[in-house]
Amino acid sequence: MRFMLKVNIPVEDGNEAVRKGTLGKTISEILSDIKPEAVYFGDEDGMRTGFIFLEMNDSSEIPKIAEPWFLAFNAEVEIHPVMRPEDLEKAGPHIQNAAEKY
């Protein structure tokens, strides 16, 4: 199943990693370990933020994906299921059934 991992790195922790010269290297190592489909970086609420799209087959994979961000950057992590357009199209009958029932 496809998920979006949103990672917010607090300013102080991110700045410390920048000063040490480890921010980019650590992010690259984490991404190499979790093997995402796509990664985008921006800002949210004044923090460095990563939007990372990946496949997870089991909830037991969550620590493998989230813990590196917690440990390396004291990051806030959110994990959300997401769909591609073809997934949404496939879900159409279920959406229609819910609309008719509720």
PDB file of N, CA and C in Angstrom:
ATOM      1  N   MET A   1       0.838  -1.175   0.000  1.00  0.00           N
ATOM      2  CA  MET A   1       0.000   0.000   0.000  1.00  0.00           C
ATOM      3  C   MET A   1       0.887   1.244   0.000  1.00  0.00           C
ATOM      4  N   ARG A   2       0.429   2.254  -0.674  1.00  0.00           N
ATOM      5  CA  ARG A   2       1.214   3.489  -0.832  1.00  0.00           C
ATOM      6  C   ARG A   2       0.897   4.467   0.297  1.00  0.00           C
ATOM      7  N   PHE A   3       1.953   5.110   0.805  1.00  0.00           N
ATOM      8  CA  PHE A   3       1.806   6.081   1.882  1.00  0.00           C
ATOM      9  C   PHE A   3       2.615   7.329   1.585  1.00  0.00           C
ATOM     10  N   MET A   4       2.155   8.443   2.175  1.00  0.00           N
ATOM     11  CA  MET A   4       2.951   9.660   2.186  1.00  0.00           C
ATOM     12  C   MET A   4       3.454   9.848   3.610  1.00  0.00           C
ATOM     13  N   LEU A   5       4.747   9.954   3.718  1.00  0.00           N
ATOM     14  CA  LEU A   5       5.402  10.245   4.984  1.00  0.00           C
ATOM     15  C   LEU A   5       5.730  11.730   4.976  1.00  0.00           C
ATOM     16  N   LYS A   6       5.196  12.453   5.954  1.00  0.00           N
ATOM     17  CA  LYS A   6       5.518  13.877   6.065  1.00  0.00           C
ATOM     18  C   LYS A   6       6.444  14.037   7.262  1.00  0.00           C
ATOM     19  N   VAL A   7       7.603  14.630   7.016  1.00  0.00           N
ATOM     20  CA  VAL A   7       8.623  14.796   8.052  1.00  0.00           C
ATOM     21  C   VAL A   7       8.887  16.283   8.248  1.00  0.00           C
ATOM     22  N   ASN A   8       8.617  16.779   9.445  1.00  0.00           N
ATOM     23  CA  ASN A   8       8.927  18.169   9.797  1.00  0.00           C
ATOM     24  C   ASN A   8      10.131  18.177  10.734  1.00  0.00           C
ATOM     25  N   ILE A   9      11.197  18.827  10.304  1.00  0.00           N
ATOM     26  CA  ILE A   9      12.422  18.912  11.099  1.00  0.00           C
ATOM     27  C   ILE A   9      12.416  20.246  11.840  1.00  0.00           C
ATOM     28  N   PRO A  10      12.402  20.218  13.180  1.00  0.00           N
ATOM     29  CA  PRO A  10      12.424  21.470  13.931  1.00  0.00           C
ATOM     30  C   PRO A  10      13.625  22.333  13.536  1.00  0.00           C
ATOM     31  N   VAL A  11      13.424  23.639  13.520  1.00  0.00           N
ATOM     32  CA  VAL A  11      14.455  24.568  13.052  1.00  0.00           C
ATOM     33  C   VAL A  11      15.770  24.371  13.803  1.00  0.00           C
ATOM     34  N   GLU A  12      15.720  24.295  15.124  1.00  0.00           N
ATOM     35  CA  GLU A  12      16.952  24.190  15.908  1.00  0.00           C
ATOM     36  C   GLU A  12      17.730  22.923  15.574  1.00  0.00           C
ATOM     37  N   ASP A  13      17.015  21.799  15.472  1.00  0.00           N
ATOM     38  CA  ASP A  13      17.674  20.528  15.163  1.00  0.00           C
ATOM     39  C   ASP A  13      18.215  20.518  13.740  1.00  0.00           C
ATOM     40  N   GLY A  14      17.459  21.078  12.809  1.00  0.00           N
ATOM     41  CA  GLY A  14      17.937  21.181  11.433  1.00  0.00           C
ATOM     42  C   GLY A  14      19.150  22.081  11.325  1.00  0.00           C
ATOM     43  N   ASN A  15      19.113  23.223  12.026  1.00  0.00           N
ATOM     44  CA  ASN A  15      20.259  24.137  12.002  1.00  0.00           C
ATOM     45  C   ASN A  15      21.504  23.498  12.589  1.00  0.00           C
ATOM     46  N   GLU A  16      21.325  22.732  13.659  1.00  0.00           N
ATOM     47  CA  GLU A  16      22.472  22.044  14.258  1.00  0.00           C
ATOM     48  C   GLU A  16      23.098  21.070  13.263  1.00  0.00           C
ATOM     49  N   ALA A  17      22.253  20.325  12.542  1.00  0.00           N
ATOM     50  CA  ALA A  17      22.766  19.384  11.541  1.00  0.00           C
ATOM     51  C   ALA A  17      23.462  20.126  10.406  1.00  0.00           C
ATOM     52  N   VAL A  18      22.937  21.284  10.015  1.00  0.00           N
ATOM     53  CA  VAL A  18      23.588  22.090   8.974  1.00  0.00           C
ATOM     54  C   VAL A  18      24.966  22.529   9.450  1.00  0.00           C
ATOM     55  N   ARG A  19      25.039  23.039  10.670  1.00  0.00           N
ATOM     56  CA  ARG A  19      26.326  23.512  11.207  1.00  0.00           C
ATOM     57  C   ARG A  19      27.352  22.392  11.307  1.00  0.00           C
ATOM     58  N   LYS A  20      26.888  21.184  11.639  1.00  0.00           N
ATOM     59  CA  LYS A  20      27.788  20.027  11.724  1.00  0.00           C
ATOM     60  C   LYS A  20      28.147  19.491  10.337  1.00  0.00           C
ATOM     61  N   GLY A  21      27.406  19.913   9.329  1.00  0.00           N
ATOM     62  CA  GLY A  21      27.628  19.401   7.981  1.00  0.00           C
ATOM     63  C   GLY A  21      27.020  18.035   7.748  1.00  0.00           C
ATOM     64  N   THR A  22      26.009  17.656   8.547  1.00  0.00           N
ATOM     65  CA  THR A  22      25.447  16.309   8.451  1.00  0.00           C
ATOM     66  C   THR A  22      24.020  16.247   7.900  1.00  0.00           C
ATOM     67  N   LEU A  23      23.379  17.386   7.686  1.00  0.00           N
ATOM     68  CA  LEU A  23      21.972  17.373   7.275  1.00  0.00           C
ATOM     69  C   LEU A  23      21.765  16.571   5.992  1.00  0.00           C
ATOM     70  N   GLY A  24      22.422  16.957   4.927  1.00  0.00           N
ATOM     71  CA  GLY A  24      22.235  16.287   3.640  1.00  0.00           C
ATOM     72  C   GLY A  24      22.648  14.832   3.655  1.00  0.00           C
ATOM     73  N   LYS A  25      23.772  14.543   4.289  1.00  0.00           N
ATOM     74  CA  LYS A  25      24.276  13.161   4.341  1.00  0.00           C
ATOM     75  C   LYS A  25      23.304  12.262   5.108  1.00  0.00           C
ATOM     76  N   THR A  26      22.808  12.749   6.233  1.00  0.00           N
ATOM     77  CA  THR A  26      21.890  11.944   7.035  1.00  0.00           C
ATOM     78  C   THR A  26      20.576  11.717   6.299  1.00  0.00           C
ATOM     79  N   ILE A  27      20.045  12.754   5.683  1.00  0.00           N
ATOM     80  CA  ILE A  27      18.808  12.593   4.911  1.00  0.00           C
ATOM     81  C   ILE A  27      19.020  11.585   3.784  1.00  0.00           C
ATOM     82  N   SER A  28      20.140  11.678   3.088  1.00  0.00           N
ATOM     83  CA  SER A  28      20.430  10.732   1.997  1.00  0.00           C
ATOM     84  C   SER A  28      20.515   9.303   2.506  1.00  0.00           C
ATOM     85  N   GLU A  29      21.138   9.103   3.664  1.00  0.00           N
ATOM     86  CA  GLU A  29      21.247   7.754   4.233  1.00  0.00           C
ATOM     87  C   GLU A  29      19.870   7.194   4.588  1.00  0.00           C
ATOM     88  N   ILE A  30      19.047   8.017   5.224  1.00  0.00           N
ATOM     89  CA  ILE A  30      17.705   7.555   5.590  1.00  0.00           C
ATOM     90  C   ILE A  30      16.910   7.197   4.337  1.00  0.00           C
ATOM     91  N   LEU A  31      16.947   8.063   3.339  1.00  0.00           N
ATOM     92  CA  LEU A  31      16.208   7.796   2.103  1.00  0.00           C
ATOM     93  C   LEU A  31      16.713   6.544   1.408  1.00  0.00           C
ATOM     94  N   SER A  32      18.009   6.321   1.454  1.00  0.00           N
ATOM     95  CA  SER A  32      18.582   5.114   0.859  1.00  0.00           C
ATOM     96  C   SER A  32      18.043   3.861   1.552  1.00  0.00           C
ATOM     97  N   ASP A  33      17.852   3.947   2.855  1.00  0.00           N
ATOM     98  CA  ASP A  33      17.350   2.798   3.614  1.00  0.00           C
ATOM     99  C   ASP A  33      15.866   2.535   3.370  1.00  0.00           C
ATOM    100  N   ILE A  34      15.061   3.592   3.222  1.00  0.00           N
ATOM    101  CA  ILE A  34      13.613   3.375   3.093  1.00  0.00           C
ATOM    102  C   ILE A  34      13.143   3.259   1.643  1.00  0.00           C
ATOM    103  N   LYS A  35      13.991   3.581   0.692  1.00  0.00           N
ATOM    104  CA  LYS A  35      13.724   3.391  -0.734  1.00  0.00           C
ATOM    105  C   LYS A  35      12.367   3.956  -1.191  1.00  0.00           C
ATOM    106  N   PRO A  36      12.198   5.267  -1.109  1.00  0.00           N
ATOM    107  CA  PRO A  36      10.928   5.864  -1.513  1.00  0.00           C
ATOM    108  C   PRO A  36      10.743   5.899  -3.027  1.00  0.00           C
ATOM    109  N   GLU A  37       9.483   6.025  -3.459  1.00  0.00           N
ATOM    110  CA  GLU A  37       9.156   6.209  -4.878  1.00  0.00           C
ATOM    111  C   GLU A  37       9.466   7.628  -5.327  1.00  0.00           C
ATOM    112  N   ALA A  38       9.169   8.588  -4.450  1.00  0.00           N
ATOM    113  CA  ALA A  38       9.376  10.003  -4.773  1.00  0.00           C
ATOM    114  C   ALA A  38       9.597  10.773  -3.479  1.00  0.00           C
ATOM    115  N   VAL A  39      10.358  11.858  -3.585  1.00  0.00           N
ATOM    116  CA  VAL A  39      10.662  12.699  -2.423  1.00  0.00           C
ATOM    117  C   VAL A  39      10.644  14.160  -2.855  1.00  0.00           C
ATOM    118  N   TYR A  40       9.990  14.980  -2.059  1.00  0.00           N
ATOM    119  CA  TYR A  40       9.962  16.423  -2.294  1.00  0.00           C
ATOM    120  C   TYR A  40      10.241  17.121  -0.972  1.00  0.00           C
ATOM    121  N   PHE A  41      10.970  18.233  -1.041  1.00  0.00           N
ATOM    122  CA  PHE A  41      11.254  19.012   0.161  1.00  0.00           C
ATOM    123  C   PHE A  41      10.720  20.414  -0.009  1.00  0.00           C
ATOM    124  N   GLY A  42      10.246  20.966   1.076  1.00  0.00           N
ATOM    125  CA  GLY A  42       9.739  22.330   1.098  1.00  0.00           C
ATOM    126  C   GLY A  42       9.727  22.801   2.538  1.00  0.00           C
ATOM    127  N   ASP A  43       8.786  23.670   2.842  1.00  0.00           N
ATOM    128  CA  ASP A  43       8.652  24.117   4.221  1.00  0.00           C
ATOM    129  C   ASP A  43       7.192  24.026   4.629  1.00  0.00           C
ATOM    130  N   GLU A  44       6.984  23.856   5.909  1.00  0.00           N
ATOM    131  CA  GLU A  44       5.649  23.871   6.479  1.00  0.00           C
ATOM    132  C   GLU A  44       5.769  24.404   7.895  1.00  0.00           C
ATOM    133  N   ASP A  45       4.964  25.374   8.221  1.00  0.00           N
ATOM    134  CA  ASP A  45       4.988  25.982   9.555  1.00  0.00           C
ATOM    135  C   ASP A  45       6.388  26.417   9.959  1.00  0.00           C
ATOM    136  N   GLY A  46       7.155  26.901   9.001  1.00  0.00           N
ATOM    137  CA  GLY A  46       8.491  27.407   9.280  1.00  0.00           C
ATOM    138  C   GLY A  46       9.547  26.344   9.497  1.00  0.00           C
ATOM    139  N   MET A  47       9.223  25.077   9.209  1.00  0.00           N
ATOM    140  CA  MET A  47      10.189  23.988   9.391  1.00  0.00           C
ATOM    141  C   MET A  47      10.553  23.377   8.046  1.00  0.00           C
ATOM    142  N   ARG A  48      11.756  22.831   7.975  1.00  0.00           N
ATOM    143  CA  ARG A  48      12.143  22.038   6.813  1.00  0.00           C
ATOM    144  C   ARG A  48      11.235  20.815   6.792  1.00  0.00           C
ATOM    145  N   THR A  49      10.643  20.554   5.632  1.00  0.00           N
ATOM    146  CA  THR A  49       9.650  19.483   5.552  1.00  0.00           C
ATOM    147  C   THR A  49       9.912  18.610   4.338  1.00  0.00           C
ATOM    148  N   GLY A  50       9.835  17.307   4.548  1.00  0.00           N
ATOM    149  CA  GLY A  50       9.941  16.342   3.468  1.00  0.00           C
ATOM    150  C   GLY A  50       8.602  15.659   3.242  1.00  0.00           C
ATOM    151  N   PHE A  51       8.242  15.488   1.981  1.00  0.00           N
ATOM    152  CA  PHE A  51       7.051  14.741   1.576  1.00  0.00           C
ATOM    153  C   PHE A  51       7.572  13.522   0.821  1.00  0.00           C
ATOM    154  N   ILE A  52       7.441  12.373   1.433  1.00  0.00           N
ATOM    155  CA  ILE A  52       8.101  11.161   0.956  1.00  0.00           C
ATOM    156  C   ILE A  52       7.026  10.123   0.645  1.00  0.00           C
ATOM    157  N   PHE A  53       7.041   9.610  -0.571  1.00  0.00           N
ATOM    158  CA  PHE A  53       6.038   8.648  -1.007  1.00  0.00           C
ATOM    159  C   PHE A  53       6.692   7.278  -1.122  1.00  0.00           C
ATOM    160  N   LEU A  54       6.061   6.276  -0.484  1.00  0.00           N
ATOM    161  CA  LEU A  54       6.672   4.948  -0.433  1.00  0.00           C
ATOM    162  C   LEU A  54       5.620   3.878  -0.267  1.00  0.00           C
ATOM    163  N   GLU A  55       6.040   2.660  -0.486  1.00  0.00           N
ATOM    164  CA  GLU A  55       5.181   1.494  -0.308  1.00  0.00           C
ATOM    165  C   GLU A  55       5.474   0.865   1.047  1.00  0.00           C
ATOM    166  N   MET A  56       4.403   0.471   1.742  1.00  0.00           N
ATOM    167  CA  MET A  56       4.520  -0.308   2.972  1.00  0.00           C
ATOM    168  C   MET A  56       3.534  -1.456   2.868  1.00  0.00           C
ATOM    169  N   ASN A  57       3.993  -2.641   3.194  1.00  0.00           N
ATOM    170  CA  ASN A  57       3.125  -3.805   3.122  1.00  0.00           C
ATOM    171  C   ASN A  57       2.561  -4.206   4.472  1.00  0.00           C
ATOM    172  N   ASP A  58       3.187  -3.709   5.550  1.00  0.00           N
ATOM    173  CA  ASP A  58       2.791  -4.130   6.887  1.00  0.00           C
ATOM    174  C   ASP A  58       3.076  -3.009   7.874  1.00  0.00           C
ATOM    175  N   SER A  59       2.212  -2.867   8.862  1.00  0.00           N
ATOM    176  CA  SER A  59       2.407  -1.797   9.849  1.00  0.00           C
ATOM    177  C   SER A  59       3.686  -1.976  10.657  1.00  0.00           C
ATOM    178  N   SER A  60       4.228  -3.182  10.682  1.00  0.00           N
ATOM    179  CA  SER A  60       5.491  -3.402  11.402  1.00  0.00           C
ATOM    180  C   SER A  60       6.660  -2.666  10.749  1.00  0.00           C
ATOM    181  N   GLU A  61       6.460  -2.142   9.534  1.00  0.00           N
ATOM    182  CA  GLU A  61       7.504  -1.372   8.853  1.00  0.00           C
ATOM    183  C   GLU A  61       7.570   0.081   9.326  1.00  0.00           C
ATOM    184  N   ILE A  62       6.568   0.532  10.067  1.00  0.00           N
ATOM    185  CA  ILE A  62       6.532   1.933  10.496  1.00  0.00           C
ATOM    186  C   ILE A  62       7.779   2.333  11.279  1.00  0.00           C
ATOM    187  N   PRO A  63       8.228   1.560  12.270  1.00  0.00           N
ATOM    188  CA  PRO A  63       9.445   1.976  12.988  1.00  0.00           C
ATOM    189  C   PRO A  63      10.667   2.117  12.085  1.00  0.00           C
ATOM    190  N   LYS A  64      10.813   1.230  11.121  1.00  0.00           N
ATOM    191  CA  LYS A  64      11.939   1.312  10.186  1.00  0.00           C
ATOM    192  C   LYS A  64      11.913   2.636   9.419  1.00  0.00           C
ATOM    193  N   ILE A  65      10.712   3.116   9.140  1.00  0.00           N
ATOM    194  CA  ILE A  65      10.549   4.332   8.347  1.00  0.00           C
ATOM    195  C   ILE A  65      10.587   5.594   9.211  1.00  0.00           C
ATOM    196  N   ALA A  66       9.976   5.551  10.390  1.00  0.00           N
ATOM    197  CA  ALA A  66       9.847   6.754  11.223  1.00  0.00           C
ATOM    198  C   ALA A  66      11.009   6.975  12.181  1.00  0.00           C
ATOM    199  N   GLU A  67      11.523   5.929  12.796  1.00  0.00           N
ATOM    200  CA  GLU A  67      12.535   6.087  13.849  1.00  0.00           C
ATOM    201  C   GLU A  67      13.781   6.851  13.412  1.00  0.00           C
ATOM    202  N   PRO A  68      14.310   6.618  12.214  1.00  0.00           N
ATOM    203  CA  PRO A  68      15.502   7.389  11.829  1.00  0.00           C
ATOM    204  C   PRO A  68      15.273   8.898  11.883  1.00  0.00           C
ATOM    205  N   TRP A  69      14.092   9.349  11.496  1.00  0.00           N
ATOM    206  CA  TRP A  69      13.780  10.789  11.525  1.00  0.00           C
ATOM    207  C   TRP A  69      13.667  11.298  12.956  1.00  0.00           C
ATOM    208  N   PHE A  70      13.035  10.491  13.826  1.00  0.00           N
ATOM    209  CA  PHE A  70      12.946  10.877  15.236  1.00  0.00           C
ATOM    210  C   PHE A  70      14.336  11.000  15.844  1.00  0.00           C
ATOM    211  N   LEU A  71      15.146   9.988  15.617  1.00  0.00           N
ATOM    212  CA  LEU A  71      16.461   9.917  16.260  1.00  0.00           C
ATOM    213  C   LEU A  71      17.450  10.926  15.700  1.00  0.00           C
ATOM    214  N   ALA A  72      17.453  11.108  14.399  1.00  0.00           N
ATOM    215  CA  ALA A  72      18.444  11.994  13.775  1.00  0.00           C
ATOM    216  C   ALA A  72      18.090  13.467  13.930  1.00  0.00           C
ATOM    217  N   PHE A  73      16.795  13.795  13.898  1.00  0.00           N
ATOM    218  CA  PHE A  73      16.399  15.203  13.819  1.00  0.00           C
ATOM    219  C   PHE A  73      15.319  15.625  14.815  1.00  0.00           C
ATOM    220  N   ASN A  74      14.901  14.716  15.710  1.00  0.00           N
ATOM    221  CA  ASN A  74      13.803  15.052  16.619  1.00  0.00           C
ATOM    222  C   ASN A  74      12.579  15.496  15.807  1.00  0.00           C
ATOM    223  N   ALA A  75      12.372  14.860  14.675  1.00  0.00           N
ATOM    224  CA  ALA A  75      11.360  15.285  13.704  1.00  0.00           C
ATOM    225  C   ALA A  75       9.947  14.899  14.125  1.00  0.00           C
ATOM    226  N   GLU A  76       8.988  15.673  13.629  1.00  0.00           N
ATOM    227  CA  GLU A  76       7.583  15.302  13.699  1.00  0.00           C
ATOM    228  C   GLU A  76       7.289  14.482  12.445  1.00  0.00           C
ATOM    229  N   VAL A  77       6.657  13.327  12.625  1.00  0.00           N
ATOM    230  CA  VAL A  77       6.408  12.426  11.504  1.00  0.00           C
ATOM    231  C   VAL A  77       4.920  12.105  11.428  1.00  0.00           C
ATOM    232  N   GLU A  78       4.372  12.194  10.238  1.00  0.00           N
ATOM    233  CA  GLU A  78       2.999  11.764   9.968  1.00  0.00           C
ATOM    234  C   GLU A  78       3.041  10.777   8.808  1.00  0.00           C
ATOM    235  N   ILE A  79       2.168   9.773   8.878  1.00  0.00           N
ATOM    236  CA  ILE A  79       2.077   8.781   7.808  1.00  0.00           C
ATOM    237  C   ILE A  79       0.616   8.712   7.361  1.00  0.00           C
ATOM    238  N   HIS A  80       0.393   8.936   6.062  1.00  0.00           N
ATOM    239  CA  HIS A  80      -0.964   8.970   5.512  1.00  0.00           C
ATOM    240  C   HIS A  80      -1.066   8.029   4.315  1.00  0.00           C
ATOM    241  N   PRO A  81      -2.119   7.190   4.251  1.00  0.00           N
ATOM    242  CA  PRO A  81      -2.332   6.415   3.034  1.00  0.00           C
ATOM    243  C   PRO A  81      -2.707   7.367   1.897  1.00  0.00           C
ATOM    244  N   VAL A  82      -2.212   7.082   0.708  1.00  0.00           N
ATOM    245  CA  VAL A  82      -2.494   7.903  -0.465  1.00  0.00           C
ATOM    246  C   VAL A  82      -2.818   7.005  -1.655  1.00  0.00           C
ATOM    247  N   MET A  83      -3.444   7.605  -2.678  1.00  0.00           N
ATOM    248  CA  MET A  83      -3.804   6.864  -3.884  1.00  0.00           C
ATOM    249  C   MET A  83      -3.296   7.583  -5.117  1.00  0.00           C
ATOM    250  N   ARG A  84      -2.988   6.799  -6.131  1.00  0.00           N
ATOM    251  CA  ARG A  84      -2.735   7.322  -7.474  1.00  0.00           C
ATOM    252  C   ARG A  84      -4.093   7.464  -8.159  1.00  0.00           C
ATOM    253  N   PRO A  85      -4.132   8.189  -9.284  1.00  0.00           N
ATOM    254  CA  PRO A  85      -5.422   8.323  -9.985  1.00  0.00           C
ATOM    255  C   PRO A  85      -6.064   6.974 -10.317  1.00  0.00           C
ATOM    256  N   GLU A  86      -5.269   5.992 -10.710  1.00  0.00           N
ATOM    257  CA  GLU A  86      -5.852   4.689 -11.048  1.00  0.00           C
ATOM    258  C   GLU A  86      -6.417   3.986  -9.812  1.00  0.00           C
ATOM    259  N   ASP A  87      -5.829   4.232  -8.629  1.00  0.00           N
ATOM    260  CA  ASP A  87      -6.374   3.678  -7.389  1.00  0.00           C
ATOM    261  C   ASP A  87      -7.728   4.313  -7.081  1.00  0.00           C
ATOM    262  N   LEU A  88      -7.806   5.629  -7.284  1.00  0.00           N
ATOM    263  CA  LEU A  88      -9.055   6.346  -7.039  1.00  0.00           C
ATOM    264  C   LEU A  88     -10.149   5.865  -7.993  1.00  0.00           C
ATOM    265  N   GLU A  89      -9.768   5.628  -9.243  1.00  0.00           N
ATOM    266  CA  GLU A  89     -10.735   5.116 -10.219  1.00  0.00           C
ATOM    267  C   GLU A  89     -11.242   3.740  -9.788  1.00  0.00           C
ATOM    268  N   LYS A  90     -10.345   2.900  -9.327  1.00  0.00           N
ATOM    269  CA  LYS A  90     -10.707   1.563  -8.863  1.00  0.00           C
ATOM    270  C   LYS A  90     -11.638   1.640  -7.647  1.00  0.00           C
ATOM    271  N   ALA A  91     -11.468   2.675  -6.827  1.00  0.00           N
ATOM    272  CA  ALA A  91     -12.290   2.852  -5.627  1.00  0.00           C
ATOM    273  C   ALA A  91     -13.660   3.440  -5.942  1.00  0.00           C
ATOM    274  N   GLY A  92     -13.870   3.870  -7.176  1.00  0.00           N
ATOM    275  CA  GLY A  92     -15.115   4.528  -7.567  1.00  0.00           C
ATOM    276  C   GLY A  92     -16.383   3.821  -7.117  1.00  0.00           C
ATOM    277  N   PRO A  93     -16.519   2.513  -7.358  1.00  0.00           N
ATOM    278  CA  PRO A  93     -17.740   1.829  -6.927  1.00  0.00           C
ATOM    279  C   PRO A  93     -17.961   1.892  -5.413  1.00  0.00           C
ATOM    280  N   HIS A  94     -16.889   1.829  -4.639  1.00  0.00           N
ATOM    281  CA  HIS A  94     -17.015   1.900  -3.179  1.00  0.00           C
ATOM    282  C   HIS A  94     -17.468   3.293  -2.747  1.00  0.00           C
ATOM    283  N   ILE A  95     -16.947   4.305  -3.417  1.00  0.00           N
ATOM    284  CA  ILE A  95     -17.359   5.683  -3.124  1.00  0.00           C
ATOM    285  C   ILE A  95     -18.831   5.863  -3.470  1.00  0.00           C
ATOM    286  N   GLN A  96     -19.228   5.342  -4.626  1.00  0.00           N
ATOM    287  CA  GLN A  96     -20.631   5.445  -5.055  1.00  0.00           C
ATOM    288  C   GLN A  96     -21.546   4.716  -4.082  1.00  0.00           C
ATOM    289  N   ASN A  97     -21.160   3.513  -3.646  1.00  0.00           N
ATOM    290  CA  ASN A  97     -21.971   2.761  -2.680  1.00  0.00           C
ATOM    291  C   ASN A  97     -22.138   3.541  -1.381  1.00  0.00           C
ATOM    292  N   ALA A  98     -21.070   4.154  -0.900  1.00  0.00           N
ATOM    293  CA  ALA A  98     -21.146   4.946   0.333  1.00  0.00           C
ATOM    294  C   ALA A  98     -22.062   6.146   0.141  1.00  0.00           C
ATOM    295  N   ALA A  99     -21.963   6.790  -1.022  1.00  0.00           N
ATOM    296  CA  ALA A  99     -22.805   7.959  -1.300  1.00  0.00           C
ATOM    297  C   ALA A  99     -24.283   7.575  -1.317  1.00  0.00           C
ATOM    298  N   GLU A 100     -24.578   6.415  -1.864  1.00  0.00           N
ATOM    299  CA  GLU A 100     -25.969   5.966  -1.929  1.00  0.00           C
ATOM    300  C   GLU A 100     -26.492   5.546  -0.558  1.00  0.00           C
ATOM    301  N   LYS A 101     -25.628   4.959   0.243  1.00  0.00           N
ATOM    302  CA  LYS A 101     -26.048   4.453   1.556  1.00  0.00           C
ATOM    303  C   LYS A 101     -26.144   5.558   2.594  1.00  0.00           C
ATOM    304  N   TYR A 102     -25.231   6.524   2.546  1.00  0.00           N
ATOM    305  CA  TYR A 102     -25.168   7.530   3.616  1.00  0.00           C
ATOM    306  C   TYR A 102     -25.564   8.888   3.117  1.00  0.00           C
TER     307      TYR A 102
END
